[in-house]
PDB file of all heavy atoms in Angstrom:
ATOM      1  N   LYS A   1     -13.773 -17.860   0.058  1.00  0.00           N
ATOM      2  CA  LYS A   1     -15.029 -18.210  -0.537  1.00  0.00           C
ATOM      3  C   LYS A   1     -14.813 -19.234  -1.673  1.00  0.00           C
ATOM      4  O   LYS A   1     -15.708 -19.986  -2.020  1.00  0.00           O
ATOM      5  CB  LYS A   1     -15.709 -16.972  -1.091  1.00  0.00           C
ATOM      6  CG  LYS A   1     -16.170 -16.017  -0.008  1.00  0.00           C
ATOM      7  CD  LYS A   1     -16.822 -14.781  -0.638  1.00  0.00           C
ATOM      8  CE  LYS A   1     -17.278 -13.801   0.396  1.00  0.00           C
ATOM      9  NZ  LYS A   1     -17.856 -12.553  -0.200  1.00  0.00           N
ATOM     10  N   LEU A   2     -13.601 -19.194  -2.244  1.00  0.00           N
ATOM     11  CA  LEU A   2     -13.272 -20.034  -3.396  1.00  0.00           C
ATOM     12  C   LEU A   2     -12.644 -21.355  -3.038  1.00  0.00           C
ATOM     13  O   LEU A   2     -12.848 -22.364  -3.719  1.00  0.00           O
ATOM     14  CB  LEU A   2     -12.386 -19.295  -4.344  1.00  0.00           C
ATOM     15  CG  LEU A   2     -12.929 -18.028  -5.002  1.00  0.00           C
ATOM     16  CD1 LEU A   2     -11.772 -17.291  -5.756  1.00  0.00           C
ATOM     17  CD2 LEU A   2     -14.036 -18.370  -5.971  1.00  0.00           C
ATOM     18  N   TYR A   3     -11.844 -21.382  -1.950  1.00  0.00           N
ATOM     19  CA  TYR A   3     -11.035 -22.549  -1.647  1.00  0.00           C
ATOM     20  C   TYR A   3     -11.247 -22.994  -0.220  1.00  0.00           C
ATOM     21  O   TYR A   3     -11.491 -22.174   0.705  1.00  0.00           O
ATOM     22  CB  TYR A   3      -9.576 -22.241  -1.883  1.00  0.00           C
ATOM     23  CG  TYR A   3      -9.275 -21.662  -3.246  1.00  0.00           C
ATOM     24  CD1 TYR A   3      -8.748 -20.409  -3.397  1.00  0.00           C
ATOM     25  CD2 TYR A   3      -9.488 -22.423  -4.365  1.00  0.00           C
ATOM     26  CE1 TYR A   3      -8.505 -19.874  -4.660  1.00  0.00           C
ATOM     27  CE2 TYR A   3      -9.255 -21.925  -5.652  1.00  0.00           C
ATOM     28  CZ  TYR A   3      -8.745 -20.666  -5.775  1.00  0.00           C
ATOM     29  OH  TYR A   3      -8.525 -20.127  -7.029  1.00  0.00           O
ATOM     30  N   PRO A   4     -11.043 -24.315   0.036  1.00  0.00           N
ATOM     31  CA  PRO A   4     -11.260 -24.868   1.412  1.00  0.00           C
ATOM     32  C   PRO A   4      -9.977 -24.553   2.299  1.00  0.00           C
ATOM     33  O   PRO A   4      -9.234 -25.489   2.568  1.00  0.00           O
ATOM     34  CB  PRO A   4     -11.460 -26.329   1.148  1.00  0.00           C
ATOM     35  CG  PRO A   4     -10.648 -26.599  -0.105  1.00  0.00           C
ATOM     36  CD  PRO A   4     -10.807 -25.352  -0.939  1.00  0.00           C
ATOM     37  N   VAL A   5      -9.784 -23.350   2.623  1.00  0.00           N
ATOM     38  CA  VAL A   5      -8.590 -22.938   3.343  1.00  0.00           C
ATOM     39  C   VAL A   5      -8.930 -22.013   4.484  1.00  0.00           C
ATOM     40  O   VAL A   5      -9.953 -21.295   4.420  1.00  0.00           O
ATOM     41  CB  VAL A   5      -7.619 -22.231   2.337  1.00  0.00           C
ATOM     42  CG1 VAL A   5      -8.231 -20.972   1.790  1.00  0.00           C
ATOM     43  CG2 VAL A   5      -6.285 -21.913   3.031  1.00  0.00           C
ATOM     44  N   LYS A   6      -8.133 -22.017   5.535  1.00  0.00           N
ATOM     45  CA  LYS A   6      -8.286 -21.081   6.657  1.00  0.00           C
ATOM     46  C   LYS A   6      -7.108 -20.143   6.525  1.00  0.00           C
ATOM     47  O   LYS A   6      -5.964 -20.499   6.333  1.00  0.00           O
ATOM     48  CB  LYS A   6      -8.257 -21.801   8.012  1.00  0.00           C
ATOM     49  CG  LYS A   6      -8.407 -20.769   9.128  1.00  0.00           C
ATOM     50  CD  LYS A   6      -8.568 -21.447  10.471  1.00  0.00           C
ATOM     51  CE  LYS A   6      -8.765 -20.366  11.606  1.00  0.00           C
ATOM     52  NZ  LYS A   6      -8.980 -21.032  12.915  1.00  0.00           N
ATOM     53  N   VAL A   7      -7.416 -18.805   6.615  1.00  0.00           N
ATOM     54  CA  VAL A   7      -6.349 -17.793   6.541  1.00  0.00           C
ATOM     55  C   VAL A   7      -6.160 -17.109   7.855  1.00  0.00           C
ATOM     56  O   VAL A   7      -7.116 -16.686   8.491  1.00  0.00           O
ATOM     57  CB  VAL A   7      -6.751 -16.740   5.469  1.00  0.00           C
ATOM     58  CG1 VAL A   7      -5.759 -15.575   5.431  1.00  0.00           C
ATOM     59  CG2 VAL A   7      -6.822 -17.383   4.068  1.00  0.00           C
ATOM     60  N   LEU A   8      -4.885 -17.040   8.255  1.00  0.00           N
ATOM     61  CA  LEU A   8      -4.492 -16.270   9.447  1.00  0.00           C
ATOM     62  C   LEU A   8      -3.967 -14.917   8.967  1.00  0.00           C
ATOM     63  O   LEU A   8      -2.889 -14.847   8.386  1.00  0.00           O
ATOM     64  CB  LEU A   8      -3.457 -17.017  10.251  1.00  0.00           C
ATOM     65  CG  LEU A   8      -3.796 -18.459  10.679  1.00  0.00           C
ATOM     66  CD1 LEU A   8      -2.627 -19.099  11.488  1.00  0.00           C
ATOM     67  CD2 LEU A   8      -5.072 -18.497  11.484  1.00  0.00           C
ATOM     68  N   LEU A   9      -4.733 -13.871   9.170  1.00  0.00           N
ATOM     69  CA  LEU A   9      -4.274 -12.525   8.753  1.00  0.00           C
ATOM     70  C   LEU A   9      -3.432 -11.955   9.918  1.00  0.00           C
ATOM     71  O   LEU A   9      -3.929 -11.697  11.013  1.00  0.00           O
ATOM     72  CB  LEU A   9      -5.468 -11.663   8.465  1.00  0.00           C
ATOM     73  CG  LEU A   9      -6.088 -11.795   7.102  1.00  0.00           C
ATOM     74  CD1 LEU A   9      -7.407 -10.999   7.025  1.00  0.00           C
ATOM     75  CD2 LEU A   9      -5.196 -11.392   5.975  1.00  0.00           C
ATOM     76  N   VAL A  10      -2.177 -11.664   9.615  1.00  0.00           N
ATOM     77  CA  VAL A  10      -1.243 -11.221  10.654  1.00  0.00           C
ATOM     78  C   VAL A  10      -0.992  -9.711  10.502  1.00  0.00           C
ATOM     79  O   VAL A  10      -0.573  -9.262   9.455  1.00  0.00           O
ATOM     80  CB  VAL A  10       0.093 -11.975  10.591  1.00  0.00           C
ATOM     81  CG1 VAL A  10       0.948 -11.647  11.783  1.00  0.00           C
ATOM     82  CG2 VAL A  10      -0.142 -13.467  10.482  1.00  0.00           C
ATOM     83  N   GLY A  11      -1.263  -9.002  11.555  1.00  0.00           N
ATOM     84  CA  GLY A  11      -1.062  -7.544  11.484  1.00  0.00           C
ATOM     85  C   GLY A  11      -1.666  -6.826  12.695  1.00  0.00           C
ATOM     86  O   GLY A  11      -2.059  -7.476  13.678  1.00  0.00           O
ATOM     87  N   GLN A  12      -1.724  -5.537  12.591  1.00  0.00           N
ATOM     88  CA  GLN A  12      -2.303  -4.706  13.726  1.00  0.00           C
ATOM     89  C   GLN A  12      -3.784  -4.986  13.841  1.00  0.00           C
ATOM     90  O   GLN A  12      -4.528  -4.624  12.920  1.00  0.00           O
ATOM     91  CB  GLN A  12      -1.961  -3.269  13.453  1.00  0.00           C
ATOM     92  CG  GLN A  12      -0.434  -3.030  13.520  1.00  0.00           C
ATOM     93  CD  GLN A  12      -0.046  -1.641  12.972  1.00  0.00           C
ATOM     94  OE1 GLN A  12      -0.878  -0.936  12.430  1.00  0.00           O
ATOM     95  NE2 GLN A  12       1.212  -1.265  13.133  1.00  0.00           N
ATOM     96  N   GLU A  13      -4.144  -5.684  14.882  1.00  0.00           N
ATOM     97  CA  GLU A  13      -5.497  -6.270  15.021  1.00  0.00           C
ATOM     98  C   GLU A  13      -6.642  -5.319  14.759  1.00  0.00           C
ATOM     99  O   GLU A  13      -7.509  -5.643  13.970  1.00  0.00           O
ATOM    100  CB  GLU A  13      -5.635  -6.886  16.423  1.00  0.00           C
ATOM    101  CG  GLU A  13      -6.879  -7.696  16.615  1.00  0.00           C
ATOM    102  CD  GLU A  13      -6.865  -8.464  17.919  1.00  0.00           C
ATOM    103  OE1 GLU A  13      -5.997  -8.179  18.764  1.00  0.00           O
ATOM    104  OE2 GLU A  13      -7.785  -9.277  18.104  1.00  0.00           O
ATOM    105  N   ALA A  14      -6.608  -4.128  15.335  1.00  0.00           N
ATOM    106  CA  ALA A  14      -7.721  -3.182  15.202  1.00  0.00           C
ATOM    107  C   ALA A  14      -7.890  -2.736  13.744  1.00  0.00           C
ATOM    108  O   ALA A  14      -9.023  -2.698  13.215  1.00  0.00           O
ATOM    109  CB  ALA A  14      -7.535  -1.972  16.093  1.00  0.00           C
ATOM    110  N   ILE A  15      -6.781  -2.515  13.076  1.00  0.00           N
ATOM    111  CA  ILE A  15      -6.831  -2.056  11.656  1.00  0.00           C
ATOM    112  C   ILE A  15      -7.345  -3.156  10.762  1.00  0.00           C
ATOM    113  O   ILE A  15      -8.165  -2.987   9.882  1.00  0.00           O
ATOM    114  CB  ILE A  15      -5.421  -1.582  11.223  1.00  0.00           C
ATOM    115  CG1 ILE A  15      -4.991  -0.368  11.995  1.00  0.00           C
ATOM    116  CG2 ILE A  15      -5.395  -1.271   9.745  1.00  0.00           C
ATOM    117  CD1 ILE A  15      -3.579   0.117  11.747  1.00  0.00           C
ATOM    118  N   VAL A  16      -6.805  -4.387  10.973  1.00  0.00           N
ATOM    119  CA  VAL A  16      -7.195  -5.544  10.123  1.00  0.00           C
ATOM    120  C   VAL A  16      -8.658  -5.901  10.311  1.00  0.00           C
ATOM    121  O   VAL A  16      -9.403  -6.146   9.323  1.00  0.00           O
ATOM    122  CB  VAL A  16      -6.304  -6.738  10.404  1.00  0.00           C
ATOM    123  CG1 VAL A  16      -6.738  -7.943   9.571  1.00  0.00           C
ATOM    124  CG2 VAL A  16      -4.852  -6.444  10.117  1.00  0.00           C
ATOM    125  N   LYS A  17      -9.119  -5.880  11.561  1.00  0.00           N
ATOM    126  CA  LYS A  17     -10.512  -6.207  11.800  1.00  0.00           C
ATOM    127  C   LYS A  17     -11.488  -5.185  11.227  1.00  0.00           C
ATOM    128  O   LYS A  17     -12.556  -5.494  10.692  1.00  0.00           O
ATOM    129  CB  LYS A  17     -10.755  -6.344  13.293  1.00  0.00           C
ATOM    130  CG  LYS A  17     -10.235  -7.679  13.867  1.00  0.00           C
ATOM    131  CD  LYS A  17     -10.604  -7.853  15.315  1.00  0.00           C
ATOM    132  CE  LYS A  17     -10.228  -9.257  15.831  1.00  0.00           C
ATOM    133  NZ  LYS A  17     -10.585  -9.499  17.232  1.00  0.00           N
ATOM    134  N   LYS A  18     -11.034  -3.925  11.236  1.00  0.00           N
ATOM    135  CA  LYS A  18     -11.855  -2.843  10.612  1.00  0.00           C
ATOM    136  C   LYS A  18     -12.001  -3.094   9.105  1.00  0.00           C
ATOM    137  O   LYS A  18     -13.091  -2.929   8.533  1.00  0.00           O
ATOM    138  CB  LYS A  18     -11.197  -1.498  10.855  1.00  0.00           C
ATOM    139  CG  LYS A  18     -12.050  -0.322  10.324  1.00  0.00           C
ATOM    140  CD  LYS A  18     -11.366   1.001  10.638  1.00  0.00           C
ATOM    141  CE  LYS A  18     -12.175   2.152  10.018  1.00  0.00           C
ATOM    142  NZ  LYS A  18     -11.583   3.474  10.279  1.00  0.00           N
ATOM    143  N   GLU A  19     -10.919  -3.514   8.459  1.00  0.00           N
ATOM    144  CA  GLU A  19     -10.993  -3.808   7.003  1.00  0.00           C
ATOM    145  C   GLU A  19     -11.856  -5.050   6.751  1.00  0.00           C
ATOM    146  O   GLU A  19     -12.655  -5.048   5.813  1.00  0.00           O
ATOM    147  CB  GLU A  19      -9.545  -4.072   6.442  1.00  0.00           C
ATOM    148  CG  GLU A  19      -8.699  -2.828   6.430  1.00  0.00           C
ATOM    149  CD  GLU A  19      -9.128  -1.815   5.401  1.00  0.00           C
ATOM    150  OE1 GLU A  19      -9.886  -2.220   4.465  1.00  0.00           O
ATOM    151  OE2 GLU A  19      -8.710  -0.658   5.497  1.00  0.00           O
ATOM    152  N   LEU A  20     -11.738  -6.035   7.645  1.00  0.00           N
ATOM    153  CA  LEU A  20     -12.508  -7.251   7.449  1.00  0.00           C
ATOM    154  C   LEU A  20     -14.015  -7.050   7.599  1.00  0.00           C
ATOM    155  O   LEU A  20     -14.813  -7.787   6.998  1.00  0.00           O
ATOM    156  CB  LEU A  20     -12.088  -8.299   8.502  1.00  0.00           C
ATOM    157  CG  LEU A  20     -11.042  -9.325   8.074  1.00  0.00           C
ATOM    158  CD1 LEU A  20     -10.677 -10.219   9.259  1.00  0.00           C
ATOM    159  CD2 LEU A  20     -11.494 -10.168   6.927  1.00  0.00           C
ATOM    160  N   SER A  21     -14.393  -6.040   8.360  1.00  0.00           N
ATOM    161  CA  SER A  21     -15.830  -5.789   8.636  1.00  0.00           C
ATOM    162  C   SER A  21     -16.572  -5.427   7.351  1.00  0.00           C
ATOM    163  O   SER A  21     -17.811  -5.506   7.332  1.00  0.00           O
ATOM    164  CB  SER A  21     -15.962  -4.689   9.674  1.00  0.00           C
ATOM    165  OG  SER A  21     -15.486  -3.453   9.153  1.00  0.00           O
ATOM    166  N   ALA A  22     -15.851  -5.079   6.323  1.00  0.00           N
ATOM    167  CA  ALA A  22     -16.510  -4.716   5.056  1.00  0.00           C
ATOM    168  C   ALA A  22     -16.923  -5.909   4.226  1.00  0.00           C
ATOM    169  O   ALA A  22     -17.606  -5.788   3.230  1.00  0.00           O
ATOM    170  CB  ALA A  22     -15.579  -3.835   4.247  1.00  0.00           C
ATOM    171  N   TYR A  23     -16.543  -7.105   4.662  1.00  0.00           N
ATOM    172  CA  TYR A  23     -16.749  -8.321   3.846  1.00  0.00           C
ATOM    173  C   TYR A  23     -17.556  -9.350   4.541  1.00  0.00           C
ATOM    174  O   TYR A  23     -17.578  -9.452   5.783  1.00  0.00           O
ATOM    175  CB  TYR A  23     -15.422  -8.966   3.435  1.00  0.00           C
ATOM    176  CG  TYR A  23     -14.508  -8.009   2.723  1.00  0.00           C
ATOM    177  CD1 TYR A  23     -13.467  -7.332   3.377  1.00  0.00           C
ATOM    178  CD2 TYR A  23     -14.748  -7.683   1.360  1.00  0.00           C
ATOM    179  CE1 TYR A  23     -12.649  -6.397   2.716  1.00  0.00           C
ATOM    180  CE2 TYR A  23     -13.926  -6.754   0.730  1.00  0.00           C
ATOM    181  CZ  TYR A  23     -12.901  -6.116   1.374  1.00  0.00           C
ATOM    182  OH  TYR A  23     -12.104  -5.209   0.772  1.00  0.00           O
ATOM    183  N   THR A  24     -18.302 -10.181   3.767  1.00  0.00           N
ATOM    184  CA  THR A  24     -19.067 -11.289   4.301  1.00  0.00           C
ATOM    185  C   THR A  24     -18.329 -12.602   4.035  1.00  0.00           C
ATOM    186  O   THR A  24     -17.924 -12.792   2.893  1.00  0.00           O
ATOM    187  CB  THR A  24     -20.447 -11.338   3.642  1.00  0.00           C
ATOM    188  OG1 THR A  24     -21.116 -10.076   3.876  1.00  0.00           O
ATOM    189  CG2 THR A  24     -21.264 -12.481   4.226  1.00  0.00           C
ATOM    190  N   TYR A  25     -18.048 -13.354   5.016  1.00  0.00           N
ATOM    191  CA  TYR A  25     -17.310 -14.624   4.832  1.00  0.00           C
ATOM    192  C   TYR A  25     -17.645 -15.568   6.032  1.00  0.00           C
ATOM    193  O   TYR A  25     -18.176 -15.108   7.026  1.00  0.00           O
ATOM    194  CB  TYR A  25     -15.823 -14.335   4.791  1.00  0.00           C
ATOM    195  CG  TYR A  25     -15.254 -13.612   5.983  1.00  0.00           C
ATOM    196  CD1 TYR A  25     -14.769 -14.340   7.085  1.00  0.00           C
ATOM    197  CD2 TYR A  25     -15.353 -12.232   6.072  1.00  0.00           C
ATOM    198  CE1 TYR A  25     -14.326 -13.687   8.213  1.00  0.00           C
ATOM    199  CE2 TYR A  25     -14.880 -11.559   7.233  1.00  0.00           C
ATOM    200  CZ  TYR A  25     -14.384 -12.297   8.287  1.00  0.00           C
ATOM    201  OH  TYR A  25     -13.918 -11.672   9.416  1.00  0.00           O
ATOM    202  N   ASP A  26     -17.299 -16.778   5.863  1.00  0.00           N
ATOM    203  CA  ASP A  26     -17.432 -17.763   6.963  1.00  0.00           C
ATOM    204  C   ASP A  26     -16.454 -17.379   8.094  1.00  0.00           C
ATOM    205  O   ASP A  26     -15.238 -17.298   7.891  1.00  0.00           O
ATOM    206  CB  ASP A  26     -17.087 -19.157   6.394  1.00  0.00           C
ATOM    207  CG  ASP A  26     -17.179 -20.235   7.498  1.00  0.00           C
ATOM    208  OD1 ASP A  26     -17.422 -19.873   8.651  1.00  0.00           O
ATOM    209  OD2 ASP A  26     -17.026 -21.405   7.135  1.00  0.00           O
ATOM    210  N   GLU A  27     -17.031 -17.065   9.231  1.00  0.00           N
ATOM    211  CA  GLU A  27     -16.194 -16.564  10.334  1.00  0.00           C
ATOM    212  C   GLU A  27     -15.085 -17.549  10.772  1.00  0.00           C
ATOM    213  O   GLU A  27     -14.060 -17.129  11.305  1.00  0.00           O
ATOM    214  CB  GLU A  27     -17.047 -16.191  11.540  1.00  0.00           C
ATOM    215  CG  GLU A  27     -17.919 -14.950  11.276  1.00  0.00           C
ATOM    216  CD  GLU A  27     -18.667 -14.511  12.495  1.00  0.00           C
ATOM    217  OE1 GLU A  27     -18.453 -15.110  13.574  1.00  0.00           O
ATOM    218  OE2 GLU A  27     -19.435 -13.531  12.381  1.00  0.00           O
ATOM    219  N   ASP A  28     -15.259 -18.824  10.515  1.00  0.00           N
ATOM    220  CA  ASP A  28     -14.261 -19.839  10.869  1.00  0.00           C
ATOM    221  C   ASP A  28     -13.127 -19.853   9.892  1.00  0.00           C
ATOM    222  O   ASP A  28     -12.117 -20.525  10.106  1.00  0.00           O
ATOM    223  CB  ASP A  28     -14.915 -21.212  10.974  1.00  0.00           C
ATOM    224  CG  ASP A  28     -15.906 -21.329  12.109  1.00  0.00           C
ATOM    225  OD1 ASP A  28     -15.714 -20.612  13.127  1.00  0.00           O
ATOM    226  OD2 ASP A  28     -16.875 -22.100  11.990  1.00  0.00           O
ATOM    227  N   SER A  29     -13.282 -19.154   8.764  1.00  0.00           N
ATOM    228  CA  SER A  29     -12.306 -19.242   7.693  1.00  0.00           C
ATOM    229  C   SER A  29     -11.151 -18.213   7.821  1.00  0.00           C
ATOM    230  O   SER A  29     -10.108 -18.358   7.143  1.00  0.00           O
ATOM    231  CB  SER A  29     -12.936 -19.103   6.309  1.00  0.00           C
ATOM    232  OG  SER A  29     -13.526 -17.837   6.184  1.00  0.00           O
ATOM    233  N   ILE A  30     -11.371 -17.211   8.588  1.00  0.00           N
ATOM    234  CA  ILE A  30     -10.290 -16.163   8.781  1.00  0.00           C
ATOM    235  C   ILE A  30     -10.147 -15.837  10.255  1.00  0.00           C
ATOM    236  O   ILE A  30     -11.123 -15.621  10.999  1.00  0.00           O
ATOM    237  CB  ILE A  30     -10.683 -14.876   7.994  1.00  0.00           C
ATOM    238  CG1 ILE A  30     -10.771 -15.078   6.507  1.00  0.00           C
ATOM    239  CG2 ILE A  30      -9.658 -13.771   8.309  1.00  0.00           C
ATOM    240  CD1 ILE A  30     -11.118 -13.896   5.669  1.00  0.00           C
ATOM    241  N   GLU A  31      -8.861 -15.788  10.670  1.00  0.00           N
ATOM    242  CA  GLU A  31      -8.565 -15.390  12.031  1.00  0.00           C
ATOM    243  C   GLU A  31      -7.503 -14.309  11.994  1.00  0.00           C
ATOM    244  O   GLU A  31      -6.601 -14.380  11.185  1.00  0.00           O
ATOM    245  CB  GLU A  31      -8.048 -16.632  12.795  1.00  0.00           C
ATOM    246  CG  GLU A  31      -7.616 -16.354  14.253  1.00  0.00           C
ATOM    247  CD  GLU A  31      -7.044 -17.581  14.923  1.00  0.00           C
ATOM    248  OE1 GLU A  31      -7.368 -18.706  14.462  1.00  0.00           O
ATOM    249  OE2 GLU A  31      -6.266 -17.388  15.889  1.00  0.00           O
ATOM    250  N   VAL A  32      -7.644 -13.315  12.833  1.00  0.00           N
ATOM    251  CA  VAL A  32      -6.700 -12.244  12.907  1.00  0.00           C
ATOM    252  C   VAL A  32      -5.662 -12.532  14.010  1.00  0.00           C
ATOM    253  O   VAL A  32      -6.060 -12.821  15.157  1.00  0.00           O
ATOM    254  CB  VAL A  32      -7.367 -10.891  13.119  1.00  0.00           C
ATOM    255  CG1 VAL A  32      -6.321  -9.764  13.251  1.00  0.00           C
ATOM    256  CG2 VAL A  32      -8.328 -10.568  12.004  1.00  0.00           C
ATOM    257  N   VAL A  33      -4.396 -12.470  13.686  1.00  0.00           N
ATOM    258  CA  VAL A  33      -3.313 -12.691  14.655  1.00  0.00           C
ATOM    259  C   VAL A  33      -2.612 -11.372  14.833  1.00  0.00           C
ATOM    260  O   VAL A  33      -2.091 -10.777  13.842  1.00  0.00           O
ATOM    261  CB  VAL A  33      -2.308 -13.773  14.174  1.00  0.00           C
ATOM    262  CG1 VAL A  33      -1.206 -13.941  15.210  1.00  0.00           C
ATOM    263  CG2 VAL A  33      -3.074 -15.084  13.954  1.00  0.00           C
ATOM    264  N   ASN A  34      -2.585 -10.826  16.015  1.00  0.00           N
ATOM    265  CA  ASN A  34      -2.011  -9.504  16.265  1.00  0.00           C
ATOM    266  C   ASN A  34      -0.494  -9.443  16.120  1.00  0.00           C
ATOM    267  O   ASN A  34       0.213 -10.338  16.615  1.00  0.00           O
ATOM    268  CB  ASN A  34      -2.429  -9.009  17.624  1.00  0.00           C
ATOM    269  CG  ASN A  34      -1.987  -7.558  17.861  1.00  0.00           C
ATOM    270  OD1 ASN A  34      -2.374  -6.657  17.093  1.00  0.00           O
ATOM    271  ND2 ASN A  34      -1.179  -7.303  18.869  1.00  0.00           N
ATOM    272  N   ALA A  35      -0.026  -8.411  15.472  1.00  0.00           N
ATOM    273  CA  ALA A  35       1.397  -8.096  15.384  1.00  0.00           C
ATOM    274  C   ALA A  35       1.525  -6.585  15.300  1.00  0.00           C
ATOM    275  O   ALA A  35       1.021  -5.981  14.383  1.00  0.00           O
ATOM    276  CB  ALA A  35       2.017  -8.750  14.190  1.00  0.00           C
ATOM    277  N   ASP A  36       2.150  -5.976  16.257  1.00  0.00           N
ATOM    278  CA  ASP A  36       2.151  -4.522  16.406  1.00  0.00           C
ATOM    279  C   ASP A  36       3.039  -3.780  15.420  1.00  0.00           C
ATOM    280  O   ASP A  36       2.806  -2.651  15.080  1.00  0.00           O
ATOM    281  CB  ASP A  36       2.528  -4.106  17.835  1.00  0.00           C
ATOM    282  CG  ASP A  36       1.515  -4.618  18.875  1.00  0.00           C
ATOM    283  OD1 ASP A  36       0.313  -4.606  18.513  1.00  0.00           O
ATOM    284  OD2 ASP A  36       1.919  -5.024  19.967  1.00  0.00           O
ATOM    285  N   GLU A  37       4.123  -4.463  15.003  1.00  0.00           N
ATOM    286  CA  GLU A  37       5.165  -3.763  14.190  1.00  0.00           C
ATOM    287  C   GLU A  37       5.041  -4.154  12.691  1.00  0.00           C
ATOM    288  O   GLU A  37       4.458  -5.195  12.334  1.00  0.00           O
ATOM    289  CB  GLU A  37       6.529  -4.131  14.693  1.00  0.00           C
ATOM    290  CG  GLU A  37       6.803  -3.694  16.153  1.00  0.00           C
ATOM    291  CD  GLU A  37       8.128  -4.155  16.673  1.00  0.00           C
ATOM    292  OE1 GLU A  37       8.375  -5.391  16.683  1.00  0.00           O
ATOM    293  OE2 GLU A  37       8.945  -3.298  17.096  1.00  0.00           O
ATOM    294  N   VAL A  38       5.681  -3.280  11.844  1.00  0.00           N
ATOM    295  CA  VAL A  38       5.704  -3.517  10.446  1.00  0.00           C
ATOM    296  C   VAL A  38       7.118  -3.293   9.926  1.00  0.00           C
ATOM    297  O   VAL A  38       7.742  -2.282  10.290  1.00  0.00           O
ATOM    298  CB  VAL A  38       4.747  -2.579   9.677  1.00  0.00           C
ATOM    299  CG1 VAL A  38       4.832  -2.808   8.165  1.00  0.00           C
ATOM    300  CG2 VAL A  38       3.316  -2.713  10.151  1.00  0.00           C
ATOM    301  N   ILE A  39       7.653  -4.187   9.114  1.00  0.00           N
ATOM    302  CA  ILE A  39       8.952  -4.008   8.519  1.00  0.00           C
ATOM    303  C   ILE A  39       8.791  -3.302   7.193  1.00  0.00           C
ATOM    304  O   ILE A  39       8.058  -3.802   6.298  1.00  0.00           O
ATOM    305  CB  ILE A  39       9.652  -5.374   8.293  1.00  0.00           C
ATOM    306  CG1 ILE A  39      10.027  -6.014   9.665  1.00  0.00           C
ATOM    307  CG2 ILE A  39      10.959  -5.215   7.461  1.00  0.00           C
ATOM    308  CD1 ILE A  39      10.625  -7.397   9.580  1.00  0.00           C
ATOM    309  N   SER A  40       9.466  -2.174   7.025  1.00  0.00           N
ATOM    310  CA  SER A  40       9.336  -1.424   5.768  1.00  0.00           C
ATOM    311  C   SER A  40      10.426  -1.859   4.771  1.00  0.00           C
ATOM    312  O   SER A  40      11.426  -2.463   5.185  1.00  0.00           O
ATOM    313  CB  SER A  40       9.454   0.090   6.039  1.00  0.00           C
ATOM    314  OG  SER A  40      10.814   0.427   6.362  1.00  0.00           O
ATOM    315  N   THR A  41      10.221  -1.502   3.530  1.00  0.00           N
ATOM    316  CA  THR A  41      11.221  -1.889   2.484  1.00  0.00           C
ATOM    317  C   THR A  41      12.483  -1.075   2.602  1.00  0.00           C
ATOM    318  O   THR A  41      13.508  -1.462   2.002  1.00  0.00           O
ATOM    319  CB  THR A  41      10.598  -1.698   1.079  1.00  0.00           C
ATOM    320  OG1 THR A  41      10.095  -0.368   0.963  1.00  0.00           O
ATOM    321  CG2 THR A  41       9.434  -2.678   0.838  1.00  0.00           C
ATOM    322  N   GLU A  42      12.463   0.057   3.338  1.00  0.00           N
ATOM    323  CA  GLU A  42      13.662   0.858   3.495  1.00  0.00           C
ATOM    324  C   GLU A  42      14.627   0.353   4.509  1.00  0.00           C
ATOM    325  O   GLU A  42      15.807   0.787   4.531  1.00  0.00           O
ATOM    326  CB  GLU A  42      13.263   2.353   3.834  1.00  0.00           C
ATOM    327  CG  GLU A  42      12.540   3.151   2.752  1.00  0.00           C
ATOM    328  CD  GLU A  42      11.087   2.736   2.619  1.00  0.00           C
ATOM    329  OE1 GLU A  42      10.513   2.246   3.580  1.00  0.00           O
ATOM    330  OE2 GLU A  42      10.530   2.895   1.499  1.00  0.00           O
ATOM    331  N   GLU A  43      14.153  -0.553   5.384  1.00  0.00           N
ATOM    332  CA  GLU A  43      14.998  -1.011   6.432  1.00  0.00           C
ATOM    333  C   GLU A  43      15.986  -2.104   5.959  1.00  0.00           C
ATOM    334  O   GLU A  43      15.752  -2.819   5.027  1.00  0.00           O
ATOM    335  CB  GLU A  43      14.143  -1.621   7.569  1.00  0.00           C
ATOM    336  CG  GLU A  43      13.220  -0.622   8.242  1.00  0.00           C
ATOM    337  CD  GLU A  43      12.358  -1.250   9.307  1.00  0.00           C
ATOM    338  OE1 GLU A  43      12.866  -1.484  10.404  1.00  0.00           O
ATOM    339  OE2 GLU A  43      11.183  -1.498   9.029  1.00  0.00           O
TER     340      GLU A  43
END
């Protein structure tokens, strides 16, 4: 909303999209890219 940028949110698609549904934004400004795994700090 503040800057002329497109953000690719990378993560578990269903979870990320659920979080995104709480916000209003230009739909062309954010895209979700699926990634099933997560690297933890303990690894």
